[in-house]
Amino acid sequence: MTARVLVVDDVDANVKLLEARLTAEYFEVRTARSGPEALHICARERADVVLLDVMMPGMDGFEVCRRLKAEPRTQHIPVIMVTALDQPSDRVKGLEAGADDFLTKPVDDIPLITRVKNLARLKMLTDEMLMRATTEEQMGFVATLGIRLDQLGRGGRILLVEDRDRSAERILDALKQEHHVEREADPARALLRLPDGNFDLMIVSLSLDHADGLRLCSQVRSLDRIRHLPIMIVIEPGDDARLLRGLDMGVNDYIVRPVDANELLARVRTQVKRKRYTDHLRMRLEETVEMAILDPLTAGFAASQVVAGPFQVLAVEPVVENGTGGDAGAAVALKT
């Protein structure tokens, strides 16, 4: 996929490095060297994702993020904050400012491309939803999503597949304030629960003691009823080979142990939003198809009214042919 990415950093070397990596993956890249320049670009051009450095002179990344999220025209642009490894407090401040995800310096290729692709897809879904809502309003329909877009990433139903008690507790503690999380230690039982569980996300540990987490991921992707369910994997540091295999088979995102609660929350919100946006668009598509099927009937009725012209329908009375129990018709009295 491709998307337009805005890279914001006051250090020229950092900008050129990120620009080169993203361009190699066929993203269209715009650059800005300051917060005000970034705001100016976002207000006048389309941006699908913003890569925003935290430490910049004058207006820092937090203030830029707050202003983007406060402006109706730019509030739906996903923002990835680029933070320093030794500043976990930056992630808390970033979440409070409205950041959608985080990258840690030095930025590696795998997390960079994975995060940008995930949020670019989310932006495409958001744009589609907003366009449909606007079109429906213009046509006189009531266009509503039920809840605000910025709240769709909360209150998700999540299935956690983890057989280590301490690891499961850490993840459950991080997510329980925003989501309903159910834990399953056995991947086979997890696969049975998924079709009827109405889950928004599955989180799978790749460190299961007696099973292969990637096998479960592949099984989910092969079943029609749940193949579109977002999947996040939990991996050990340096396990790039299995990570790449997971991403190749359709895993949506990942997080590396030790799990940072703020990173986990941000990435779970993104996947829950994506699932709900997709479900909403699928529902609206089904409604549109249903309306298209029913429309010929409506059109036929409208045409009959036009043909009747000045006539008015006074009564409809049943008629039985030849006084027998044959087919019933209807006598319509018309008045000129």
Foldseek 3Di string as FASTA:
>chain_A
DEFEEEEEALDPVVQVVLVVLNVVVVYHYHYYNDLVVVVVCLVPHDHQEYEAEQDDPDDGRLNSLLVQCVDPSRVLRAYEYEEEPPCPVVLVSNVVSPHLAYAYPPGDSPVVVLVSVLSSLLSVLVVVLVVVQVVCVVVPHHRDLPDDLVLQLFAFEEEEADQDPVLVVVQCVLRVVTYHYHYDPDLVVVLVCPLPVRGQEYEYECPRPPDGRLVSLLVQCVDPSRNPRAYEYEYEPPPVVVVVVSVVSPHNYYAYPPGDSSNVSSVSSSSSSSSSSVVVVVVVVVVVVVCVVCVVVVVVVVVVVVVCPPKDWDDWDWDDPPPDNDDIDIDTDIDD
